Amino acid sequence: MNFTLRQISYFLAVARFGSFGAAANAVHVSQPGLSSQIAELETRLGGQLFHRSPGAGRVVLTQLGERLL
């Protein structure tokens, strides 16, 4: 279960801001780049870290996300 410091910092930013877009702005990367790193982290951990609502923009932590945080 290897993951990078970058992936963890992106995860923490999304958890803090509750939004992939706001987190991407905060860490100075594109939203697709941040999303890609989160998706890779989720794959390595075996589950979703955030509940995503289409069109809502706001995300909340899953149980796995809470444990990682």
PDB file of N, CA and C in Angstrom:
ATOM      1  N   MET A   1       0.847  -1.178   0.000  1.00  0.00           N
ATOM      2  CA  MET A   1       0.000   0.000   0.000  1.00  0.00           C
ATOM      3  C   MET A   1       0.895   1.245   0.000  1.00  0.00           C
ATOM      4  N   ASN A   2       1.508   1.515  -1.127  1.00  0.00           N
ATOM      5  CA  ASN A   2       2.352   2.693  -1.247  1.00  0.00           C
ATOM      6  C   ASN A   2       1.545   3.868  -1.771  1.00  0.00           C
ATOM      7  N   PHE A   3       1.788   5.030  -1.208  1.00  0.00           N
ATOM      8  CA  PHE A   3       1.209   6.251  -1.735  1.00  0.00           C
ATOM      9  C   PHE A   3       2.212   7.369  -1.498  1.00  0.00           C
ATOM     10  N   THR A   4       1.987   8.491  -2.167  1.00  0.00           N
ATOM     11  CA  THR A   4       2.969   9.562  -2.136  1.00  0.00           C
ATOM     12  C   THR A   4       2.546  10.684  -1.186  1.00  0.00           C
ATOM     13  N   LEU A   5       3.506  11.469  -0.809  1.00  0.00           N
ATOM     14  CA  LEU A   5       3.235  12.648   0.007  1.00  0.00           C
ATOM     15  C   LEU A   5       2.328  13.613  -0.759  1.00  0.00           C
ATOM     16  N   ARG A   6       2.518  13.709  -2.067  1.00  0.00           N
ATOM     17  CA  ARG A   6       1.664  14.564  -2.902  1.00  0.00           C
ATOM     18  C   ARG A   6       0.204  14.108  -2.802  1.00  0.00           C
ATOM     19  N   GLN A   7      -0.015  12.800  -2.902  1.00  0.00           N
ATOM     20  CA  GLN A   7      -1.386  12.292  -2.818  1.00  0.00           C
ATOM     21  C   GLN A   7      -2.010  12.607  -1.461  1.00  0.00           C
ATOM     22  N   ILE A   8      -1.237  12.465  -0.419  1.00  0.00           N
ATOM     23  CA  ILE A   8      -1.748  12.769   0.925  1.00  0.00           C
ATOM     24  C   ILE A   8      -2.038  14.257   1.065  1.00  0.00           C
ATOM     25  N   SER A   9      -1.171  15.105   0.545  1.00  0.00           N
ATOM     26  CA  SER A   9      -1.418  16.552   0.645  1.00  0.00           C
ATOM     27  C   SER A   9      -2.661  16.938  -0.158  1.00  0.00           C
ATOM     28  N   TYR A  10      -2.890  16.302  -1.308  1.00  0.00           N
ATOM     29  CA  TYR A  10      -4.098  16.572  -2.082  1.00  0.00           C
ATOM     30  C   TYR A  10      -5.334  16.078  -1.342  1.00  0.00           C
ATOM     31  N   PHE A  11      -5.230  14.893  -0.750  1.00  0.00           N
ATOM     32  CA  PHE A  11      -6.338  14.365   0.050  1.00  0.00           C
ATOM     33  C   PHE A  11      -6.690  15.332   1.184  1.00  0.00           C
ATOM     34  N   LEU A  12      -5.689  15.810   1.898  1.00  0.00           N
ATOM     35  CA  LEU A  12      -5.926  16.733   3.011  1.00  0.00           C
ATOM     36  C   LEU A  12      -6.563  18.032   2.534  1.00  0.00           C
ATOM     37  N   ALA A  13      -6.152  18.516   1.369  1.00  0.00           N
ATOM     38  CA  ALA A  13      -6.734  19.744   0.826  1.00  0.00           C
ATOM     39  C   ALA A  13      -8.212  19.541   0.486  1.00  0.00           C
ATOM     40  N   VAL A  14      -8.544  18.421  -0.133  1.00  0.00           N
ATOM     41  CA  VAL A  14      -9.955  18.159  -0.462  1.00  0.00           C
ATOM     42  C   VAL A  14     -10.764  18.017   0.827  1.00  0.00           C
ATOM     43  N   ALA A  15     -10.225  17.318   1.793  1.00  0.00           N
ATOM     44  CA  ALA A  15     -10.919  17.149   3.072  1.00  0.00           C
ATOM     45  C   ALA A  15     -11.135  18.504   3.743  1.00  0.00           C
ATOM     46  N   ARG A  16     -10.165  19.376   3.665  1.00  0.00           N
ATOM     47  CA  ARG A  16     -10.253  20.695   4.307  1.00  0.00           C
ATOM     48  C   ARG A  16     -11.269  21.590   3.610  1.00  0.00           C
ATOM     49  N   PHE A  17     -11.212  21.630   2.274  1.00  0.00           N
ATOM     50  CA  PHE A  17     -12.053  22.555   1.523  1.00  0.00           C
ATOM     51  C   PHE A  17     -13.402  21.966   1.125  1.00  0.00           C
ATOM     52  N   GLY A  18     -13.526  20.630   1.162  1.00  0.00           N
ATOM     53  CA  GLY A  18     -14.782  20.007   0.796  1.00  0.00           C
ATOM     54  C   GLY A  18     -15.113  20.120  -0.678  1.00  0.00           C
ATOM     55  N   SER A  19     -14.086  20.387  -1.483  1.00  0.00           N
ATOM     56  CA  SER A  19     -14.292  20.595  -2.913  1.00  0.00           C
ATOM     57  C   SER A  19     -13.006  20.291  -3.657  1.00  0.00           C
ATOM     58  N   PHE A  20     -13.131  19.553  -4.753  1.00  0.00           N
ATOM     59  CA  PHE A  20     -11.947  19.256  -5.560  1.00  0.00           C
ATOM     60  C   PHE A  20     -11.423  20.522  -6.228  1.00  0.00           C
ATOM     61  N   GLY A  21     -12.319  21.368  -6.702  1.00  0.00           N
ATOM     62  CA  GLY A  21     -11.903  22.604  -7.362  1.00  0.00           C
ATOM     63  C   GLY A  21     -11.185  23.550  -6.427  1.00  0.00           C
ATOM     64  N   ALA A  22     -11.741  23.772  -5.245  1.00  0.00           N
ATOM     65  CA  ALA A  22     -11.117  24.664  -4.270  1.00  0.00           C
ATOM     66  C   ALA A  22      -9.784  24.095  -3.788  1.00  0.00           C
ATOM     67  N   ALA A  23      -9.734  22.781  -3.599  1.00  0.00           N
ATOM     68  CA  ALA A  23      -8.488  22.143  -3.167  1.00  0.00           C
ATOM     69  C   ALA A  23      -7.416  22.300  -4.240  1.00  0.00           C
ATOM     70  N   ALA A  24      -7.793  22.102  -5.508  1.00  0.00           N
ATOM     71  CA  ALA A  24      -6.831  22.249  -6.606  1.00  0.00           C
ATOM     72  C   ALA A  24      -6.276  23.667  -6.645  1.00  0.00           C
ATOM     73  N   ASN A  25      -7.134  24.654  -6.476  1.00  0.00           N
ATOM     74  CA  ASN A  25      -6.664  26.044  -6.433  1.00  0.00           C
ATOM     75  C   ASN A  25      -5.698  26.267  -5.274  1.00  0.00           C
ATOM     76  N   ALA A  26      -6.010  25.689  -4.133  1.00  0.00           N
ATOM     77  CA  ALA A  26      -5.187  25.888  -2.936  1.00  0.00           C
ATOM     78  C   ALA A  26      -3.796  25.283  -3.073  1.00  0.00           C
ATOM     79  N   VAL A  27      -3.697  24.160  -3.784  1.00  0.00           N
ATOM     80  CA  VAL A  27      -2.392  23.499  -3.921  1.00  0.00           C
ATOM     81  C   VAL A  27      -1.737  23.779  -5.281  1.00  0.00           C
ATOM     82  N   HIS A  28      -2.376  24.686  -6.044  1.00  0.00           N
ATOM     83  CA  HIS A  28      -1.805  25.176  -7.306  1.00  0.00           C
ATOM     84  C   HIS A  28      -1.595  24.088  -8.351  1.00  0.00           C
ATOM     85  N   VAL A  29      -2.625  23.253  -8.535  1.00  0.00           N
ATOM     86  CA  VAL A  29      -2.613  22.249  -9.604  1.00  0.00           C
ATOM     87  C   VAL A  29      -3.966  22.308 -10.310  1.00  0.00           C
ATOM     88  N   SER A  30      -4.048  21.656 -11.460  1.00  0.00           N
ATOM     89  CA  SER A  30      -5.327  21.586 -12.161  1.00  0.00           C
ATOM     90  C   SER A  30      -6.260  20.627 -11.413  1.00  0.00           C
ATOM     91  N   GLN A  31      -7.549  20.867 -11.564  1.00  0.00           N
ATOM     92  CA  GLN A  31      -8.523  19.986 -10.915  1.00  0.00           C
ATOM     93  C   GLN A  31      -8.426  18.558 -11.460  1.00  0.00           C
ATOM     94  N   PRO A  32      -8.273  18.359 -12.785  1.00  0.00           N
ATOM     95  CA  PRO A  32      -8.118  16.981 -13.273  1.00  0.00           C
ATOM     96  C   PRO A  32      -6.857  16.296 -12.720  1.00  0.00           C
ATOM     97  N   GLY A  33      -5.773  17.051 -12.563  1.00  0.00           N
ATOM     98  CA  GLY A  33      -4.548  16.475 -12.001  1.00  0.00           C
ATOM     99  C   GLY A  33      -4.737  16.041 -10.555  1.00  0.00           C
ATOM    100  N   LEU A  34      -5.409  16.869  -9.783  1.00  0.00           N
ATOM    101  CA  LEU A  34      -5.684  16.528  -8.391  1.00  0.00           C
ATOM    102  C   LEU A  34      -6.617  15.320  -8.326  1.00  0.00           C
ATOM    103  N   SER A  35      -7.670  15.329  -9.133  1.00  0.00           N
ATOM    104  CA  SER A  35      -8.620  14.210  -9.145  1.00  0.00           C
ATOM    105  C   SER A  35      -7.943  12.897  -9.500  1.00  0.00           C
ATOM    106  N   SER A  36      -7.024  12.961 -10.450  1.00  0.00           N
ATOM    107  CA  SER A  36      -6.293  11.769 -10.869  1.00  0.00           C
ATOM    108  C   SER A  36      -5.469  11.190  -9.723  1.00  0.00           C
ATOM    109  N   GLN A  37      -4.808  12.046  -8.984  1.00  0.00           N
ATOM    110  CA  GLN A  37      -3.996  11.587  -7.849  1.00  0.00           C
ATOM    111  C   GLN A  37      -4.877  11.012  -6.737  1.00  0.00           C
ATOM    112  N   ILE A  38      -6.042  11.631  -6.500  1.00  0.00           N
ATOM    113  CA  ILE A  38      -6.974  11.102  -5.496  1.00  0.00           C
ATOM    114  C   ILE A  38      -7.488   9.735  -5.935  1.00  0.00           C
ATOM    115  N   ALA A  39      -7.827   9.609  -7.216  1.00  0.00           N
ATOM    116  CA  ALA A  39      -8.308   8.323  -7.742  1.00  0.00           C
ATOM    117  C   ALA A  39      -7.251   7.234  -7.584  1.00  0.00           C
ATOM    118  N   GLU A  40      -6.000   7.573  -7.839  1.00  0.00           N
ATOM    119  CA  GLU A  40      -4.922   6.593  -7.675  1.00  0.00           C
ATOM    120  C   GLU A  40      -4.778   6.202  -6.201  1.00  0.00           C
ATOM    121  N   LEU A  41      -4.868   7.168  -5.321  1.00  0.00           N
ATOM    122  CA  LEU A  41      -4.793   6.887  -3.882  1.00  0.00           C
ATOM    123  C   LEU A  41      -5.947   5.977  -3.469  1.00  0.00           C
ATOM    124  N   GLU A  42      -7.158   6.254  -3.968  1.00  0.00           N
ATOM    125  CA  GLU A  42      -8.311   5.415  -3.644  1.00  0.00           C
ATOM    126  C   GLU A  42      -8.107   3.984  -4.137  1.00  0.00           C
ATOM    127  N   THR A  43      -7.534   3.843  -5.325  1.00  0.00           N
ATOM    128  CA  THR A  43      -7.254   2.506  -5.855  1.00  0.00           C
ATOM    129  C   THR A  43      -6.287   1.764  -4.949  1.00  0.00           C
ATOM    130  N   ARG A  44      -5.252   2.447  -4.530  1.00  0.00           N
ATOM    131  CA  ARG A  44      -4.249   1.806  -3.669  1.00  0.00           C
ATOM    132  C   ARG A  44      -4.814   1.438  -2.297  1.00  0.00           C
ATOM    133  N   LEU A  45      -5.766   2.247  -1.817  1.00  0.00           N
ATOM    134  CA  LEU A  45      -6.356   1.983  -0.504  1.00  0.00           C
ATOM    135  C   LEU A  45      -7.566   1.053  -0.583  1.00  0.00           C
ATOM    136  N   GLY A  46      -8.079   0.820  -1.787  1.00  0.00           N
ATOM    137  CA  GLY A  46      -9.169  -0.127  -1.959  1.00  0.00           C
ATOM    138  C   GLY A  46     -10.559   0.417  -1.725  1.00  0.00           C
ATOM    139  N   GLY A  47     -10.756   1.712  -1.848  1.00  0.00           N
ATOM    140  CA  GLY A  47     -12.103   2.259  -1.687  1.00  0.00           C
ATOM    141  C   GLY A  47     -12.130   3.759  -1.853  1.00  0.00           C
ATOM    142  N   GLN A  48     -13.337   4.300  -1.956  1.00  0.00           N
ATOM    143  CA  GLN A  48     -13.498   5.739  -2.111  1.00  0.00           C
ATOM    144  C   GLN A  48     -13.222   6.471  -0.803  1.00  0.00           C
ATOM    145  N   LEU A  49     -12.606   7.631  -0.933  1.00  0.00           N
ATOM    146  CA  LEU A  49     -12.308   8.470   0.226  1.00  0.00           C
ATOM    147  C   LEU A  49     -13.352   9.555   0.429  1.00  0.00           C
ATOM    148  N   PHE A  50     -14.080   9.884  -0.649  1.00  0.00           N
ATOM    149  CA  PHE A  50     -15.071  10.954  -0.605  1.00  0.00           C
ATOM    150  C   PHE A  50     -16.363  10.506  -1.256  1.00  0.00           C
ATOM    151  N   HIS A  51     -17.499  10.959  -0.681  1.00  0.00           N
ATOM    152  CA  HIS A  51     -18.798  10.824  -1.334  1.00  0.00           C
ATOM    153  C   HIS A  51     -18.896  12.005  -2.283  1.00  0.00           C
ATOM    154  N   ARG A  52     -19.131  11.716  -3.559  1.00  0.00           N
ATOM    155  CA  ARG A  52     -19.239  12.764  -4.568  1.00  0.00           C
ATOM    156  C   ARG A  52     -20.688  12.857  -5.037  1.00  0.00           C
ATOM    157  N   SER A  53     -21.225  14.053  -5.050  1.00  0.00           N
ATOM    158  CA  SER A  53     -22.572  14.277  -5.560  1.00  0.00           C
ATOM    159  C   SER A  53     -22.470  15.010  -6.887  1.00  0.00           C
ATOM    160  N   PRO A  54     -22.948  14.408  -7.971  1.00  0.00           N
ATOM    161  CA  PRO A  54     -22.851  15.062  -9.279  1.00  0.00           C
ATOM    162  C   PRO A  54     -23.510  16.444  -9.275  1.00  0.00           C
ATOM    163  N   GLY A  55     -22.772  17.433  -9.723  1.00  0.00           N
ATOM    164  CA  GLY A  55     -23.299  18.783  -9.829  1.00  0.00           C
ATOM    165  C   GLY A  55     -23.297  19.577  -8.536  1.00  0.00           C
ATOM    166  N   ALA A  56     -23.150  18.902  -7.391  1.00  0.00           N
ATOM    167  CA  ALA A  56     -23.208  19.601  -6.105  1.00  0.00           C
ATOM    168  C   ALA A  56     -21.918  20.347  -5.805  1.00  0.00           C
ATOM    169  N   GLY A  57     -20.789  19.796  -6.265  1.00  0.00           N
ATOM    170  CA  GLY A  57     -19.510  20.448  -6.017  1.00  0.00           C
ATOM    171  C   GLY A  57     -18.926  20.145  -4.650  1.00  0.00           C
ATOM    172  N   ARG A  58     -19.756  19.861  -3.681  1.00  0.00           N
ATOM    173  CA  ARG A  58     -19.303  19.608  -2.312  1.00  0.00           C
ATOM    174  C   ARG A  58     -19.104  18.110  -2.114  1.00  0.00           C
ATOM    175  N   VAL A  59     -18.027  17.739  -1.447  1.00  0.00           N
ATOM    176  CA  VAL A  59     -17.771  16.332  -1.142  1.00  0.00           C
ATOM    177  C   VAL A  59     -17.612  16.165   0.366  1.00  0.00           C
ATOM    178  N   VAL A  60     -17.919  14.962   0.835  1.00  0.00           N
ATOM    179  CA  VAL A  60     -17.738  14.632   2.253  1.00  0.00           C
ATOM    180  C   VAL A  60     -16.955  13.336   2.350  1.00  0.00           C
ATOM    181  N   LEU A  61     -16.285  13.157   3.452  1.00  0.00           N
ATOM    182  CA  LEU A  61     -15.465  11.967   3.661  1.00  0.00           C
ATOM    183  C   LEU A  61     -16.318  10.710   3.837  1.00  0.00           C
ATOM    184  N   THR A  62     -15.844   9.611   3.285  1.00  0.00           N
ATOM    185  CA  THR A  62     -16.419   8.301   3.551  1.00  0.00           C
ATOM    186  C   THR A  62     -15.823   7.793   4.866  1.00  0.00           C
ATOM    187  N   GLN A  63     -16.230   6.611   5.274  1.00  0.00           N
ATOM    188  CA  GLN A  63     -15.615   6.025   6.477  1.00  0.00           C
ATOM    189  C   GLN A  63     -14.118   5.794   6.265  1.00  0.00           C
ATOM    190  N   LEU A  64     -13.740   5.334   5.070  1.00  0.00           N
ATOM    191  CA  LEU A  64     -12.316   5.139   4.772  1.00  0.00           C
ATOM    192  C   LEU A  64     -11.585   6.480   4.811  1.00  0.00           C
ATOM    193  N   GLY A  65     -12.207   7.502   4.265  1.00  0.00           N
ATOM    194  CA  GLY A  65     -11.615   8.846   4.300  1.00  0.00           C
ATOM    195  C   GLY A  65     -11.431   9.343   5.724  1.00  0.00           C
ATOM    196  N   GLU A  66     -12.422   9.101   6.566  1.00  0.00           N
ATOM    197  CA  GLU A  66     -12.323   9.497   7.981  1.00  0.00           C
ATOM    198  C   GLU A  66     -11.161   8.780   8.651  1.00  0.00           C
ATOM    199  N   ARG A  67     -11.018   7.484   8.372  1.00  0.00           N
ATOM    200  CA  ARG A  67      -9.924   6.719   8.983  1.00  0.00           C
ATOM    201  C   ARG A  67      -8.571   7.245   8.513  1.00  0.00           C
ATOM    202  N   LEU A  68      -8.455   7.567   7.217  1.00  0.00           N
ATOM    203  CA  LEU A  68      -7.196   8.083   6.709  1.00  0.00           C
ATOM    204  C   LEU A  68      -6.876   9.442   7.312  1.00  0.00           C
ATOM    205  N   LEU A  69      -7.896  10.275   7.455  1.00  0.00           N
ATOM    206  CA  LEU A  69      -7.679  11.597   8.031  1.00  0.00           C
ATOM    207  C   LEU A  69      -7.183  11.475   9.460  1.00  0.00           C
TER     208      LEU A  69
END
